[in-house]
Amino acid sequence: MYVMGLAWVLRDEGNVRVDIISTRFPAKVQIYINLILTILLFFLWLFFFQDFFGTHHHSWRILEKASYTVWYPAIYPLRTLVCLAILLWLLQGFATFYRNIQKLKGEKA
């Protein structure tokens, strides 16, 4: 369930990034690079989230159970947790995007 920690890691900027190229640029260019990559990453994830939400909805509608075990545990609550975790991560991504825009304008981020 590592997905549940993504928003927290993004908020604390604890994610692993390769800043070999961007550290050689001035701070403003680094912010532009972060903005562009944030847009690319999160807009792609929005499409993924839309698809995952459809799967989540279907799982609740049929009360999906795991068929690969003897006791058939319910899967739909786990899909809900993952869906909420991805939603929180997307919200934190928007907050990071907004914070980078504030840095660009010179406002306190």
Foldseek 3Di string as FASTA:
>chain_A
DCLLCLLVCLLVVVDDDDCPPVVVDDPLVSLVVVLVVLVVVLVVVVVVLVVLVVVLVVCVVVQAFDPPDDVTHGCSVVSVSSSVSSVSNSVSSVVVNVCSVCVNVVHDD
